[in-house]
N, C-alpha and C. Protein backbone atom coordinates (compact mmCIF):
# COMPACT_ATOMS: atom_id res chain seq x y z
N MET A 1 99.38 94.17 87.48
CA MET A 1 99.78 94.09 88.87
C MET A 1 98.62 94.57 89.74
N THR A 2 98.40 93.89 90.86
CA THR A 2 97.31 94.27 91.75
C THR A 2 97.73 95.46 92.60
N LYS A 3 96.73 96.16 93.08
CA LYS A 3 96.99 97.29 93.95
C LYS A 3 97.51 96.78 95.29
N PRO A 4 98.52 97.45 95.87
CA PRO A 4 98.98 97.02 97.19
C PRO A 4 97.86 97.19 98.21
N SER A 5 97.67 96.16 99.03
CA SER A 5 96.65 96.27 100.06
C SER A 5 97.20 97.08 101.22
N PRO A 6 96.50 98.10 101.65
CA PRO A 6 97.01 98.96 102.71
C PRO A 6 97.08 98.20 104.03
N ALA A 7 98.12 98.49 104.78
CA ALA A 7 98.27 97.88 106.10
C ALA A 7 97.25 98.53 107.03
N PRO A 8 96.49 97.71 107.75
CA PRO A 8 95.51 98.31 108.66
C PRO A 8 96.22 98.98 109.83
N ILE A 9 95.52 99.88 110.44
CA ILE A 9 96.05 100.55 111.62
C ILE A 9 96.05 99.53 112.74
N LEU A 10 97.19 99.36 113.38
CA LEU A 10 97.31 98.38 114.45
C LEU A 10 96.63 98.89 115.71
N PRO A 11 95.98 98.00 116.46
CA PRO A 11 95.39 98.40 117.74
C PRO A 11 96.47 98.92 118.69
N GLU A 12 96.06 99.74 119.63
CA GLU A 12 97.00 100.32 120.58
C GLU A 12 97.41 99.30 121.62
N GLN A 13 98.29 98.41 121.24
CA GLN A 13 98.86 97.45 122.18
C GLN A 13 100.27 97.14 121.73
N GLU A 14 101.10 96.72 122.68
CA GLU A 14 102.50 96.48 122.38
C GLU A 14 102.75 95.13 121.72
N TYR A 15 102.00 94.11 122.14
CA TYR A 15 102.23 92.76 121.64
C TYR A 15 100.94 92.13 121.13
N PHE A 16 101.10 91.19 120.20
CA PHE A 16 99.97 90.51 119.58
C PHE A 16 100.21 89.01 119.63
N SER A 17 99.16 88.26 119.90
CA SER A 17 99.26 86.79 119.84
C SER A 17 99.28 86.37 118.37
N ILE A 18 99.56 85.10 118.13
CA ILE A 18 99.57 84.64 116.74
C ILE A 18 98.16 84.71 116.15
N ALA A 19 97.14 84.49 116.97
CA ALA A 19 95.76 84.59 116.48
C ALA A 19 95.44 86.03 116.05
N GLU A 20 95.85 86.99 116.87
CA GLU A 20 95.61 88.40 116.52
C GLU A 20 96.41 88.79 115.28
N ALA A 21 97.66 88.32 115.22
CA ALA A 21 98.52 88.65 114.08
C ALA A 21 97.95 88.09 112.78
N THR A 22 97.51 86.84 112.80
CA THR A 22 96.98 86.24 111.57
C THR A 22 95.67 86.91 111.14
N ARG A 23 94.88 87.31 112.12
CA ARG A 23 93.62 88.01 111.79
C ARG A 23 93.91 89.35 111.13
N LEU A 24 94.86 90.11 111.69
CA LEU A 24 95.20 91.41 111.11
C LEU A 24 95.88 91.28 109.75
N LEU A 25 96.75 90.28 109.63
CA LEU A 25 97.49 90.08 108.37
C LEU A 25 96.66 89.37 107.30
N GLN A 26 95.60 88.70 107.73
CA GLN A 26 94.74 87.92 106.84
C GLN A 26 95.54 86.82 106.13
N VAL A 27 96.35 86.12 106.94
CA VAL A 27 97.08 84.94 106.46
C VAL A 27 96.90 83.83 107.50
N PRO A 28 97.00 82.57 107.09
CA PRO A 28 96.90 81.48 108.05
C PRO A 28 98.11 81.44 108.98
N ALA A 29 97.94 80.84 110.14
CA ALA A 29 99.01 80.74 111.13
C ALA A 29 100.23 80.02 110.57
N HIS A 30 100.00 78.98 109.77
CA HIS A 30 101.15 78.24 109.23
C HIS A 30 101.97 79.11 108.28
N THR A 31 101.34 80.07 107.61
CA THR A 31 102.07 80.98 106.73
C THR A 31 102.96 81.91 107.55
N LEU A 32 102.41 82.41 108.63
CA LEU A 32 103.19 83.30 109.49
C LEU A 32 104.37 82.55 110.11
N ARG A 33 104.15 81.32 110.54
CA ARG A 33 105.25 80.51 111.08
C ARG A 33 106.30 80.23 110.01
N TYR A 34 105.86 79.99 108.78
CA TYR A 34 106.78 79.77 107.67
C TYR A 34 107.64 81.01 107.44
N TRP A 35 107.02 82.19 107.45
CA TRP A 35 107.77 83.43 107.26
C TRP A 35 108.84 83.60 108.33
N GLU A 36 108.52 83.20 109.57
CA GLU A 36 109.50 83.31 110.65
C GLU A 36 110.76 82.52 110.33
N GLY A 37 110.60 81.37 109.69
CA GLY A 37 111.74 80.54 109.34
C GLY A 37 112.52 81.07 108.14
N ARG A 38 111.88 81.86 107.31
CA ARG A 38 112.51 82.34 106.08
C ARG A 38 113.05 83.77 106.15
N PHE A 39 112.50 84.57 107.06
CA PHE A 39 112.90 85.98 107.16
C PHE A 39 113.49 86.25 108.54
N ASN A 40 114.78 86.58 108.57
CA ASN A 40 115.44 86.85 109.85
C ASN A 40 114.85 88.08 110.55
N ALA A 41 114.26 88.97 109.80
CA ALA A 41 113.71 90.20 110.38
C ALA A 41 112.45 89.93 111.20
N LEU A 42 111.83 88.78 111.00
CA LEU A 42 110.60 88.46 111.71
C LEU A 42 110.92 87.43 112.79
N ARG A 43 111.12 87.91 114.01
CA ARG A 43 111.47 87.04 115.13
C ARG A 43 110.63 87.43 116.36
N PRO A 44 109.45 86.83 116.50
CA PRO A 44 108.63 87.19 117.66
C PRO A 44 109.24 86.64 118.95
N ALA A 45 108.96 87.33 120.03
CA ALA A 45 109.39 86.86 121.34
C ALA A 45 108.57 85.64 121.72
N ARG A 46 109.10 84.85 122.61
CA ARG A 46 108.37 83.66 123.08
C ARG A 46 108.09 83.79 124.57
N LEU A 47 106.89 83.42 124.95
CA LEU A 47 106.52 83.37 126.36
C LEU A 47 107.10 82.09 126.95
N PRO A 48 107.15 81.98 128.28
CA PRO A 48 107.70 80.76 128.89
C PRO A 48 107.03 79.47 128.39
N GLY A 49 105.77 79.52 128.05
CA GLY A 49 105.07 78.35 127.55
C GLY A 49 105.30 78.10 126.06
N GLY A 50 106.08 78.95 125.40
CA GLY A 50 106.39 78.77 123.99
C GLY A 50 105.49 79.54 123.04
N HIS A 51 104.49 80.24 123.57
CA HIS A 51 103.58 81.01 122.72
C HIS A 51 104.31 82.23 122.16
N ARG A 52 103.97 82.58 120.93
CA ARG A 52 104.60 83.72 120.26
C ARG A 52 103.95 85.03 120.69
N ARG A 53 104.80 86.07 120.79
CA ARG A 53 104.34 87.44 121.04
C ARG A 53 104.96 88.32 119.98
N TYR A 54 104.12 88.84 119.09
CA TYR A 54 104.59 89.70 118.01
C TYR A 54 104.56 91.15 118.47
N SER A 55 105.69 91.82 118.37
CA SER A 55 105.75 93.24 118.71
C SER A 55 105.18 94.05 117.55
N ARG A 56 105.02 95.33 117.78
CA ARG A 56 104.54 96.21 116.70
C ARG A 56 105.53 96.20 115.53
N THR A 57 106.82 96.15 115.84
CA THR A 57 107.84 96.08 114.79
C THR A 57 107.71 94.79 114.00
N ASP A 58 107.48 93.68 114.71
CA ASP A 58 107.27 92.39 114.03
C ASP A 58 106.06 92.48 113.10
N MET A 59 105.01 93.11 113.57
CA MET A 59 103.79 93.23 112.75
C MET A 59 104.05 94.09 111.51
N GLU A 60 104.77 95.19 111.68
CA GLU A 60 105.09 96.04 110.53
C GLU A 60 105.93 95.26 109.51
N THR A 61 106.87 94.46 110.02
CA THR A 61 107.69 93.62 109.13
C THR A 61 106.82 92.60 108.42
N ALA A 62 105.90 91.97 109.15
CA ALA A 62 105.02 90.97 108.54
C ALA A 62 104.13 91.60 107.46
N PHE A 63 103.63 92.80 107.70
CA PHE A 63 102.84 93.49 106.67
C PHE A 63 103.69 93.78 105.44
N ARG A 64 104.94 94.15 105.66
CA ARG A 64 105.84 94.42 104.54
C ARG A 64 106.10 93.13 103.76
N ILE A 65 106.33 92.02 104.46
CA ILE A 65 106.54 90.73 103.81
C ILE A 65 105.31 90.35 102.99
N ARG A 66 104.14 90.51 103.59
CA ARG A 66 102.91 90.19 102.87
C ARG A 66 102.78 91.02 101.60
N GLU A 67 103.09 92.30 101.70
CA GLU A 67 103.01 93.17 100.53
C GLU A 67 103.98 92.70 99.44
N LEU A 68 105.21 92.37 99.84
CA LEU A 68 106.21 91.94 98.86
C LEU A 68 105.81 90.64 98.18
N LEU A 69 105.29 89.70 98.95
CA LEU A 69 104.95 88.39 98.39
C LEU A 69 103.62 88.41 97.64
N ARG A 70 102.62 88.99 98.25
CA ARG A 70 101.28 88.94 97.67
C ARG A 70 101.04 90.01 96.60
N ASP A 71 101.37 91.23 96.92
CA ASP A 71 101.04 92.34 96.02
C ASP A 71 102.09 92.55 94.92
N ARG A 72 103.36 92.46 95.30
CA ARG A 72 104.41 92.67 94.30
C ARG A 72 104.85 91.38 93.63
N LYS A 73 104.30 90.27 94.10
CA LYS A 73 104.53 88.94 93.48
C LYS A 73 106.01 88.55 93.46
N LEU A 74 106.75 88.92 94.51
CA LEU A 74 108.15 88.52 94.61
C LEU A 74 108.24 87.11 95.18
N THR A 75 109.34 86.44 94.90
CA THR A 75 109.61 85.16 95.54
C THR A 75 110.09 85.43 96.96
N VAL A 76 110.18 84.39 97.76
CA VAL A 76 110.68 84.55 99.13
C VAL A 76 112.09 85.12 99.08
N GLU A 77 112.92 84.58 98.19
CA GLU A 77 114.30 85.07 98.08
C GLU A 77 114.33 86.54 97.65
N GLY A 78 113.49 86.92 96.72
CA GLY A 78 113.42 88.32 96.29
C GLY A 78 112.97 89.23 97.41
N ALA A 79 111.98 88.79 98.17
CA ALA A 79 111.49 89.59 99.30
C ALA A 79 112.57 89.72 100.37
N ARG A 80 113.33 88.64 100.59
CA ARG A 80 114.43 88.70 101.57
C ARG A 80 115.46 89.75 101.16
N LYS A 81 115.77 89.80 99.87
CA LYS A 81 116.74 90.77 99.39
C LYS A 81 116.23 92.19 99.56
N VAL A 82 114.95 92.41 99.24
CA VAL A 82 114.37 93.75 99.39
C VAL A 82 114.41 94.17 100.86
N LEU A 83 114.03 93.27 101.76
CA LEU A 83 114.06 93.59 103.19
C LEU A 83 115.48 93.87 103.66
N ALA A 84 116.45 93.10 103.19
CA ALA A 84 117.84 93.29 103.60
C ALA A 84 118.34 94.67 103.17
N VAL A 85 118.00 95.07 101.95
CA VAL A 85 118.43 96.38 101.45
C VAL A 85 117.73 97.50 102.22
N SER A 86 116.44 97.33 102.50
CA SER A 86 115.70 98.40 103.18
C SER A 86 116.11 98.54 104.64
N ARG A 87 116.64 97.50 105.25
CA ARG A 87 117.07 97.57 106.65
C ARG A 87 118.51 98.04 106.80
N ARG A 88 119.24 98.05 105.70
CA ARG A 88 120.64 98.47 105.74
C ARG A 88 120.69 99.97 105.95
N PRO A 89 121.55 100.44 106.86
CA PRO A 89 121.64 101.89 107.07
C PRO A 89 122.19 102.57 105.81
N PRO A 90 121.67 103.76 105.51
CA PRO A 90 122.14 104.45 104.30
C PRO A 90 123.61 104.84 104.44
N ARG A 91 124.30 104.77 103.34
CA ARG A 91 125.71 105.16 103.33
C ARG A 91 125.80 106.63 103.00
N PHE A 92 126.52 107.35 103.83
CA PHE A 92 126.68 108.79 103.62
C PHE A 92 128.15 109.07 103.39
N ASN A 93 128.45 109.68 102.29
CA ASN A 93 129.81 110.01 101.95
C ASN A 93 129.87 111.49 101.62
N ALA A 94 130.44 112.27 102.52
CA ALA A 94 130.50 113.71 102.34
C ALA A 94 131.29 114.09 101.10
N ALA A 95 132.28 113.30 100.75
CA ALA A 95 133.09 113.62 99.57
C ALA A 95 132.24 113.54 98.30
N ARG A 96 131.28 112.62 98.26
CA ARG A 96 130.42 112.50 97.08
C ARG A 96 129.54 113.73 96.89
N ILE A 97 129.12 114.34 98.00
CA ILE A 97 128.25 115.50 97.90
C ILE A 97 128.99 116.65 97.24
N GLU A 98 130.25 116.82 97.56
CA GLU A 98 131.03 117.92 97.01
C GLU A 98 131.73 117.52 95.70
N GLY A 99 131.45 116.33 95.21
CA GLY A 99 132.13 115.80 94.03
C GLY A 99 131.73 116.49 92.75
N PRO A 100 132.37 116.09 91.65
CA PRO A 100 132.14 116.76 90.37
C PRO A 100 130.74 116.56 89.81
N GLY A 101 130.03 115.52 90.23
CA GLY A 101 128.70 115.27 89.69
C GLY A 101 127.60 116.09 90.34
N THR A 102 127.95 116.89 91.33
CA THR A 102 126.96 117.66 92.06
C THR A 102 126.64 118.97 91.34
N ASN A 103 125.38 119.33 91.38
CA ASN A 103 124.93 120.56 90.75
C ASN A 103 125.43 121.75 91.57
N PRO A 104 126.29 122.62 91.01
CA PRO A 104 126.84 123.75 91.77
C PRO A 104 125.77 124.74 92.22
N ALA A 105 124.75 124.93 91.42
CA ALA A 105 123.68 125.87 91.80
C ALA A 105 122.93 125.35 93.02
N ALA A 106 122.71 124.05 93.05
CA ALA A 106 122.01 123.46 94.19
C ALA A 106 122.85 123.59 95.45
N LEU A 107 124.15 123.35 95.33
CA LEU A 107 125.04 123.49 96.49
C LEU A 107 125.05 124.93 97.00
N LYS A 108 125.09 125.88 96.08
CA LYS A 108 125.09 127.29 96.48
C LYS A 108 123.81 127.64 97.22
N LEU A 109 122.68 127.15 96.71
CA LEU A 109 121.39 127.40 97.36
C LEU A 109 121.36 126.77 98.75
N LEU A 110 121.84 125.55 98.87
CA LEU A 110 121.85 124.88 100.18
C LEU A 110 122.73 125.61 101.18
N ARG A 111 123.87 126.09 100.71
CA ARG A 111 124.75 126.85 101.61
C ARG A 111 124.07 128.14 102.08
N ARG A 112 123.37 128.80 101.17
CA ARG A 112 122.68 130.04 101.52
C ARG A 112 121.55 129.78 102.52
N VAL A 113 120.82 128.69 102.31
CA VAL A 113 119.75 128.33 103.23
C VAL A 113 120.33 128.02 104.61
N ARG A 114 121.45 127.29 104.63
CA ARG A 114 122.09 126.97 105.91
C ARG A 114 122.52 128.24 106.64
N GLU A 115 123.10 129.19 105.91
CA GLU A 115 123.51 130.45 106.52
C GLU A 115 122.30 131.21 107.08
N ASP A 116 121.21 131.24 106.31
CA ASP A 116 119.99 131.92 106.77
C ASP A 116 119.45 131.26 108.04
N LEU A 117 119.44 129.96 108.05
CA LEU A 117 118.95 129.25 109.23
C LEU A 117 119.84 129.51 110.43
N GLN A 118 121.15 129.56 110.21
CA GLN A 118 122.07 129.84 111.30
C GLN A 118 121.83 131.24 111.86
N ARG A 119 121.59 132.23 110.97
CA ARG A 119 121.29 133.59 111.42
C ARG A 119 120.00 133.62 112.24
N LEU A 120 118.98 132.91 111.78
CA LEU A 120 117.72 132.85 112.52
C LEU A 120 117.93 132.22 113.91
N LEU A 121 118.69 131.19 113.95
CA LEU A 121 118.98 130.52 115.22
C LEU A 121 119.72 131.45 116.17
N ASP A 122 120.69 132.20 115.62
CA ASP A 122 121.43 133.18 116.44
C ASP A 122 120.49 134.25 116.97
N ASP A 123 119.57 134.74 116.11
CA ASP A 123 118.62 135.77 116.53
C ASP A 123 117.69 135.25 117.62
N LEU A 124 117.24 134.01 117.50
CA LEU A 124 116.33 133.46 118.49
C LEU A 124 117.03 133.18 119.83
N SER A 125 118.31 132.92 119.80
CA SER A 125 119.01 132.61 121.04
C SER A 125 119.41 133.87 121.82
N ARG A 126 119.18 135.06 121.25
CA ARG A 126 119.51 136.31 121.95
C ARG A 126 118.46 136.67 122.94
């Protein structure tokens, strides 16, 4: 497996043209347009003349897509699934934390840390 290519630091600007995006991503324009049709997460804004404007979020998504396809060698469908899972909000279930599978020593330590932090907060607010 090849090493993942690091995402370059984006210039300090809010939006990027397709030319700027393809230069930073090091992919042809037709590839970027293809990704737009295949990945719902990549939806650049359009100017009145129809030109694309990629936000910083769009660029981060495009870099992630490139990494999944090029570096991890996933198919488009596989990359779509990975993106869908990573964009899904985490499920938090308080009952699971207190459930039988939880380490009692860890819970005791966490409760003690919470109590200590609460005492510190009370002391600072005086």
